[in-house]
C-alpha cells in the first residue's frame, strides 16, 4: 500500500480514535471517577488524558513507514 493511501486511512482512523477516546473518557469520568478520592481522581484524569497517545503512536508509525521497492 502506498504511503499516501496509508496517510489518508491513518488520518481518518486518528480522528475516529480521538473522538471515541474522548467520549469514552468523558463517560467514564462522569460515572465512576467522581466517586473516588481526589488523589485517585487525579491519577485517572492523567491516565485518561494521556493513554490515547499509545495507539496514536502505533498508527503514526504505520502511516510513516516507507513504501516497499517494487
PDB file of N, CA and C in Angstrom:
ATOM      1  N   UNK A   1       0.849  -1.167   0.000  1.00  0.00           N
ATOM      2  CA  UNK A   1       0.000   0.000   0.000  1.00  0.00           C
ATOM      3  C   UNK A   1       0.901   1.239   0.000  1.00  0.00           C
ATOM      4  N   UNK A   2       0.636   2.158  -0.877  1.00  0.00           N
ATOM      5  CA  UNK A   2       1.467   3.376  -0.917  1.00  0.00           C
ATOM      6  C   UNK A   2       1.307   4.220   0.353  1.00  0.00           C
ATOM      7  N   UNK A   3       2.353   4.940   0.662  1.00  0.00           N
ATOM      8  CA  UNK A   3       2.352   5.759   1.874  1.00  0.00           C
ATOM      9  C   UNK A   3       1.237   6.808   1.833  1.00  0.00           C
ATOM     10  N   UNK A   4       0.948   7.316   0.680  1.00  0.00           N
ATOM     11  CA  UNK A   4      -0.093   8.332   0.556  1.00  0.00           C
ATOM     12  C   UNK A   4      -1.466   7.785   0.993  1.00  0.00           C
ATOM     13  N   UNK A   5      -1.760   6.558   0.600  1.00  0.00           N
ATOM     14  CA  UNK A   5      -3.022   5.923   0.986  1.00  0.00           C
ATOM     15  C   UNK A   5      -3.016   5.610   2.480  1.00  0.00           C
ATOM     16  N   UNK A   6      -1.871   5.133   2.987  1.00  0.00           N
ATOM     17  CA  UNK A   6      -1.768   4.865   4.430  1.00  0.00           C
ATOM     18  C   UNK A   6      -2.003   6.132   5.239  1.00  0.00           C
ATOM     19  N   UNK A   7      -1.494   7.254   4.767  1.00  0.00           N
ATOM     20  CA  UNK A   7      -1.690   8.514   5.485  1.00  0.00           C
ATOM     21  C   UNK A   7      -3.155   8.935   5.473  1.00  0.00           C
ATOM     22  N   UNK A   8      -3.843   8.724   4.365  1.00  0.00           N
ATOM     23  CA  UNK A   8      -5.262   9.052   4.305  1.00  0.00           C
ATOM     24  C   UNK A   8      -6.062   8.181   5.273  1.00  0.00           C
ATOM     25  N   UNK A   9      -5.823   6.879   5.218  1.00  0.00           N
ATOM     26  CA  UNK A   9      -6.521   5.957   6.113  1.00  0.00           C
ATOM     27  C   UNK A   9      -6.158   6.260   7.561  1.00  0.00           C
ATOM     28  N   UNK A  10      -4.887   6.510   7.826  1.00  0.00           N
ATOM     29  CA  UNK A  10      -4.437   6.806   9.182  1.00  0.00           C
ATOM     30  C   UNK A  10      -5.039   8.082   9.733  1.00  0.00           C
ATOM     31  N   UNK A  11      -5.204   9.083   8.893  1.00  0.00           N
ATOM     32  CA  UNK A  11      -5.810  10.334   9.340  1.00  0.00           C
ATOM     33  C   UNK A  11      -7.260  10.120   9.748  1.00  0.00           C
ATOM     34  N   UNK A  12      -7.992   9.365   8.952  1.00  0.00           N
ATOM     35  CA  UNK A  12      -9.391   9.075   9.289  1.00  0.00           C
ATOM     36  C   UNK A  12      -9.462   8.252  10.583  1.00  0.00           C
ATOM     37  N   UNK A  13      -8.590   7.254  10.701  1.00  0.00           N
ATOM     38  CA  UNK A  13      -8.574   6.432  11.918  1.00  0.00           C
ATOM     39  C   UNK A  13      -8.163   7.252  13.140  1.00  0.00           C
ATOM     40  N   UNK A  14      -7.237   8.186  12.957  1.00  0.00           N
ATOM     41  CA  UNK A  14      -6.793   9.032  14.065  1.00  0.00           C
ATOM     42  C   UNK A  14      -7.941   9.919  14.560  1.00  0.00           C
ATOM     43  N   UNK A  15      -8.692  10.491  13.633  1.00  0.00           N
ATOM     44  CA  UNK A  15      -9.840  11.303  14.028  1.00  0.00           C
ATOM     45  C   UNK A  15     -10.874  10.459  14.766  1.00  0.00           C
ATOM     46  N   UNK A  16     -11.124   9.249  14.263  1.00  0.00           N
ATOM     47  CA  UNK A  16     -12.069   8.358  14.937  1.00  0.00           C
ATOM     48  C   UNK A  16     -11.555   7.979  16.322  1.00  0.00           C
ATOM     49  N   UNK A  17     -10.271   7.697  16.437  1.00  0.00           N
ATOM     50  CA  UNK A  17      -9.683   7.356  17.732  1.00  0.00           C
ATOM     51  C   UNK A  17      -9.870   8.480  18.739  1.00  0.00           C
ATOM     52  N   UNK A  18      -9.595   9.697  18.331  1.00  0.00           N
ATOM     53  CA  UNK A  18      -9.701  10.832  19.253  1.00  0.00           C
ATOM     54  C   UNK A  18     -11.156  11.034  19.692  1.00  0.00           C
ATOM     55  N   UNK A  19     -12.086  10.934  18.756  1.00  0.00           N
ATOM     56  CA  UNK A  19     -13.496  11.130  19.101  1.00  0.00           C
ATOM     57  C   UNK A  19     -13.985  10.026  20.041  1.00  0.00           C
ATOM     58  N   UNK A  20     -13.699   8.771  19.688  1.00  0.00           N
ATOM     59  CA  UNK A  20     -14.150   7.651  20.521  1.00  0.00           C
ATOM     60  C   UNK A  20     -13.480   7.698  21.888  1.00  0.00           C
ATOM     61  N   UNK A  21     -12.188   7.990  21.919  1.00  0.00           N
ATOM     62  CA  UNK A  21     -11.474   8.051  23.196  1.00  0.00           C
ATOM     63  C   UNK A  21     -12.036   9.171  24.075  1.00  0.00           C
ATOM     64  N   UNK A  22     -12.275  10.331  23.479  1.00  0.00           N
ATOM     65  CA  UNK A  22     -12.790  11.458  24.255  1.00  0.00           C
ATOM     66  C   UNK A  22     -14.170  11.146  24.823  1.00  0.00           C
ATOM     67  N   UNK A  23     -15.045  10.558  24.016  1.00  0.00           N
ATOM     68  CA  UNK A  23     -16.378  10.217  24.501  1.00  0.00           C
ATOM     69  C   UNK A  23     -16.315   9.153  25.595  1.00  0.00           C
ATOM     70  N   UNK A  24     -15.476   8.151  25.400  1.00  0.00           N
ATOM     71  CA  UNK A  24     -15.328   7.115  26.413  1.00  0.00           C
ATOM     72  C   UNK A  24     -14.743   7.649  27.703  1.00  0.00           C
ATOM     73  N   UNK A  25     -13.744   8.504  27.591  1.00  0.00           N
ATOM     74  CA  UNK A  25     -13.123   9.085  28.784  1.00  0.00           C
ATOM     75  C   UNK A  25     -14.113   9.982  29.527  1.00  0.00           C
ATOM     76  N   UNK A  26     -14.902  10.751  28.790  1.00  0.00           N
ATOM     77  CA  UNK A  26     -15.890  11.607  29.443  1.00  0.00           C
ATOM     78  C   UNK A  26     -16.957  10.774  30.153  1.00  0.00           C
ATOM     79  N   UNK A  27     -17.397   9.709  29.506  1.00  0.00           N
ATOM     80  CA  UNK A  27     -18.409   8.849  30.129  1.00  0.00           C
ATOM     81  C   UNK A  27     -17.862   8.197  31.391  1.00  0.00           C
ATOM     82  N   UNK A  28     -16.640   7.720  31.320  1.00  0.00           N
ATOM     83  CA  UNK A  28     -16.022   7.100  32.489  1.00  0.00           C
ATOM     84  C   UNK A  28     -15.793   8.121  33.595  1.00  0.00           C
ATOM     85  N   UNK A  29     -15.330   9.296  33.233  1.00  0.00           N
ATOM     86  CA  UNK A  29     -15.049  10.328  34.237  1.00  0.00           C
ATOM     87  C   UNK A  29     -16.326  10.822  34.909  1.00  0.00           C
ATOM     88  N   UNK A  30     -17.406  10.910  34.179  1.00  0.00           N
ATOM     89  CA  UNK A  30     -18.663  11.365  34.769  1.00  0.00           C
ATOM     90  C   UNK A  30     -19.295  10.300  35.662  1.00  0.00           C
ATOM     91  N   UNK A  31     -19.050   9.036  35.346  1.00  0.00           N
ATOM     92  CA  UNK A  31     -19.709   7.977  36.082  1.00  0.00           C
ATOM     93  C   UNK A  31     -18.955   7.516  37.305  1.00  0.00           C
ATOM     94  N   UNK A  32     -17.792   6.962  37.110  1.00  0.00           N
ATOM     95  CA  UNK A  32     -17.076   6.285  38.199  1.00  0.00           C
ATOM     96  C   UNK A  32     -16.029   7.155  38.889  1.00  0.00           C
ATOM     97  N   UNK A  33     -15.350   7.969  38.142  1.00  0.00           N
ATOM     98  CA  UNK A  33     -14.199   8.700  38.686  1.00  0.00           C
ATOM     99  C   UNK A  33     -14.632   9.735  39.718  1.00  0.00           C
ATOM    100  N   UNK A  34     -15.810  10.297  39.573  1.00  0.00           N
ATOM    101  CA  UNK A  34     -16.243  11.347  40.509  1.00  0.00           C
ATOM    102  C   UNK A  34     -16.461  10.822  41.920  1.00  0.00           C
ATOM    103  N   UNK A  35     -16.608   9.499  42.055  1.00  0.00           N
ATOM    104  CA  UNK A  35     -16.832   8.916  43.382  1.00  0.00           C
ATOM    105  C   UNK A  35     -15.530   8.576  44.107  1.00  0.00           C
ATOM    106  N   UNK A  36     -14.398   8.710  43.448  1.00  0.00           N
ATOM    107  CA  UNK A  36     -13.116   8.327  44.027  1.00  0.00           C
ATOM    108  C   UNK A  36     -12.524   9.452  44.871  1.00  0.00           C
ATOM    109  N   UNK A  37     -11.512   9.100  45.637  1.00  0.00           N
ATOM    110  CA  UNK A  37     -10.724  10.075  46.403  1.00  0.00           C
ATOM    111  C   UNK A  37     -10.049  11.020  45.416  1.00  0.00           C
ATOM    112  N   UNK A  38      -9.770  12.254  45.854  1.00  0.00           N
ATOM    113  CA  UNK A  38      -9.222  13.250  44.935  1.00  0.00           C
ATOM    114  C   UNK A  38      -7.885  12.825  44.332  1.00  0.00           C
ATOM    115  N   UNK A  39      -7.062  12.095  45.066  1.00  0.00           N
ATOM    116  CA  UNK A  39      -5.767  11.661  44.536  1.00  0.00           C
ATOM    117  C   UNK A  39      -5.966  10.616  43.424  1.00  0.00           C
ATOM    118  N   UNK A  40      -6.906   9.712  43.639  1.00  0.00           N
ATOM    119  CA  UNK A  40      -7.199   8.725  42.599  1.00  0.00           C
ATOM    120  C   UNK A  40      -7.871   9.374  41.400  1.00  0.00           C
ATOM    121  N   UNK A  41      -8.672  10.400  41.637  1.00  0.00           N
ATOM    122  CA  UNK A  41      -9.259  11.142  40.526  1.00  0.00           C
ATOM    123  C   UNK A  41      -8.170  11.756  39.658  1.00  0.00           C
ATOM    124  N   UNK A  42      -7.171  12.342  40.302  1.00  0.00           N
ATOM    125  CA  UNK A  42      -6.072  12.954  39.558  1.00  0.00           C
ATOM    126  C   UNK A  42      -5.344  11.927  38.708  1.00  0.00           C
ATOM    127  N   UNK A  43      -5.071  10.774  39.286  1.00  0.00           N
ATOM    128  CA  UNK A  43      -4.394   9.709  38.537  1.00  0.00           C
ATOM    129  C   UNK A  43      -5.250   9.264  37.353  1.00  0.00           C
ATOM    130  N   UNK A  44      -6.535   9.091  37.584  1.00  0.00           N
ATOM    131  CA  UNK A  44      -7.434   8.668  36.498  1.00  0.00           C
ATOM    132  C   UNK A  44      -7.486   9.696  35.385  1.00  0.00           C
ATOM    133  N   UNK A  45      -7.591  10.969  35.742  1.00  0.00           N
ATOM    134  CA  UNK A  45      -7.649  12.007  34.716  1.00  0.00           C
ATOM    135  C   UNK A  45      -6.352  12.086  33.911  1.00  0.00           C
ATOM    136  N   UNK A  46      -5.232  11.926  34.582  1.00  0.00           N
ATOM    137  CA  UNK A  46      -3.947  11.931  33.867  1.00  0.00           C
ATOM    138  C   UNK A  46      -3.859  10.742  32.914  1.00  0.00           C
ATOM    139  N   UNK A  47      -4.256   9.570  33.389  1.00  0.00           N
ATOM    140  CA  UNK A  47      -4.216   8.384  32.527  1.00  0.00           C
ATOM    141  C   UNK A  47      -5.194   8.495  31.363  1.00  0.00           C
ATOM    142  N   UNK A  48      -6.428   8.911  31.643  1.00  0.00           N
ATOM    143  CA  UNK A  48      -7.408   9.052  30.577  1.00  0.00           C
ATOM    144  C   UNK A  48      -6.998  10.109  29.555  1.00  0.00           C
ATOM    145  N   UNK A  49      -6.308  11.120  30.023  1.00  0.00           N
ATOM    146  CA  UNK A  49      -5.890  12.187  29.123  1.00  0.00           C
ATOM    147  C   UNK A  49      -4.643  11.880  28.317  1.00  0.00           C
ATOM    148  N   UNK A  50      -3.867  10.884  28.738  1.00  0.00           N
ATOM    149  CA  UNK A  50      -2.601  10.648  28.051  1.00  0.00           C
ATOM    150  C   UNK A  50      -2.449   9.270  27.423  1.00  0.00           C
ATOM    151  N   UNK A  51      -3.255   8.308  27.792  1.00  0.00           N
ATOM    152  CA  UNK A  51      -3.084   6.957  27.248  1.00  0.00           C
ATOM    153  C   UNK A  51      -3.468   6.821  25.776  1.00  0.00           C
ATOM    154  N   UNK A  52      -4.212   7.791  25.238  1.00  0.00           N
ATOM    155  CA  UNK A  52      -4.557   7.725  23.828  1.00  0.00           C
ATOM    156  C   UNK A  52      -3.318   7.861  22.946  1.00  0.00           C
ATOM    157  N   UNK A  53      -2.239   8.351  23.519  1.00  0.00           N
ATOM    158  CA  UNK A  53      -1.004   8.549  22.748  1.00  0.00           C
ATOM    159  C   UNK A  53      -0.419   7.207  22.281  1.00  0.00           C
ATOM    160  N   UNK A  54      -0.602   6.139  23.058  1.00  0.00           N
ATOM    161  CA  UNK A  54      -0.045   4.836  22.689  1.00  0.00           C
ATOM    162  C   UNK A  54      -0.632   4.295  21.376  1.00  0.00           C
ATOM    163  N   UNK A  55      -1.961   4.180  21.232  1.00  0.00           N
ATOM    164  CA  UNK A  55      -2.465   3.713  19.940  1.00  0.00           C
ATOM    165  C   UNK A  55      -2.210   4.721  18.817  1.00  0.00           C
ATOM    166  N   UNK A  56      -2.192   6.000  19.147  1.00  0.00           N
ATOM    167  CA  UNK A  56      -1.903   7.008  18.131  1.00  0.00           C
ATOM    168  C   UNK A  56      -0.466   6.873  17.631  1.00  0.00           C
ATOM    169  N   UNK A  57       0.462   6.566  18.515  1.00  0.00           N
ATOM    170  CA  UNK A  57       1.859   6.378  18.111  1.00  0.00           C
ATOM    171  C   UNK A  57       2.035   5.184  17.193  1.00  0.00           C
ATOM    172  N   UNK A  58       1.335   4.098  17.497  1.00  0.00           N
ATOM    173  CA  UNK A  58       1.385   2.924  16.622  1.00  0.00           C
ATOM    174  C   UNK A  58       0.825   3.277  15.251  1.00  0.00           C
ATOM    175  N   UNK A  59      -0.270   3.998  15.234  1.00  0.00           N
ATOM    176  CA  UNK A  59      -0.889   4.398  13.975  1.00  0.00           C
ATOM    177  C   UNK A  59       0.023   5.329  13.177  1.00  0.00           C
ATOM    178  N   UNK A  60       0.666   6.251  13.833  1.00  0.00           N
ATOM    179  CA  UNK A  60       1.569   7.175  13.146  1.00  0.00           C
ATOM    180  C   UNK A  60       2.783   6.443  12.594  1.00  0.00           C
ATOM    181  N   UNK A  61       3.329   5.507  13.352  1.00  0.00           N
ATOM    182  CA  UNK A  61       4.480   4.759  12.833  1.00  0.00           C
ATOM    183  C   UNK A  61       4.086   3.918  11.623  1.00  0.00           C
ATOM    184  N   UNK A  62       2.854   3.389  11.602  1.00  0.00           N
ATOM    185  CA  UNK A  62       2.371   2.656  10.429  1.00  0.00           C
ATOM    186  C   UNK A  62       2.207   3.601   9.236  1.00  0.00           C
ATOM    187  N   UNK A  63       1.696   4.790   9.482  1.00  0.00           N
ATOM    188  CA  UNK A  63       1.496   5.757   8.402  1.00  0.00           C
ATOM    189  C   UNK A  63       2.826   6.211   7.798  1.00  0.00           C
ATOM    190  N   UNK A  64       3.845   6.351   8.603  1.00  0.00           N
ATOM    191  CA  UNK A  64       5.121   6.889   8.153  1.00  0.00           C
ATOM    192  C   UNK A  64       6.068   5.839   7.577  1.00  0.00           C
ATOM    193  N   UNK A  65       5.692   4.575   7.621  1.00  0.00           N
ATOM    194  CA  UNK A  65       6.540   3.517   7.079  1.00  0.00           C
ATOM    195  C   UNK A  65       6.782   3.767   5.584  1.00  0.00           C
ATOM    196  N   UNK A  66       8.021   3.670   5.125  1.00  0.00           N
ATOM    197  CA  UNK A  66       8.296   3.939   3.709  1.00  0.00           C
ATOM    198  C   UNK A  66       7.691   2.857   2.817  1.00  0.00           C
ATOM    199  N   UNK A  67       7.469   3.241   1.565  1.00  0.00           N
ATOM    200  CA  UNK A  67       6.946   2.291   0.575  1.00  0.00           C
ATOM    201  C   UNK A  67       7.956   1.225   0.277  1.00  0.00           C
ATOM    202  N   UNK A  68       7.458   0.039  -0.072  1.00  0.00           N
ATOM    203  CA  UNK A  68       8.341  -1.042  -0.494  1.00  0.00           C
ATOM    204  C   UNK A  68       8.798  -0.773  -1.925  1.00  0.00           C
ATOM    205  N   UNK A  69      10.020  -1.150  -2.204  1.00  0.00           N
ATOM    206  CA  UNK A  69      10.525  -1.032  -3.583  1.00  0.00           C
ATOM    207  C   UNK A  69       9.950  -2.165  -4.411  1.00  0.00           C
ATOM    208  N   UNK A  70       9.485  -1.839  -5.602  1.00  0.00           N
ATOM    209  CA  UNK A  70       8.859  -2.847  -6.471  1.00  0.00           C
ATOM    210  C   UNK A  70       9.873  -3.698  -7.197  1.00  0.00           C
TER     211      UNK A  70
END
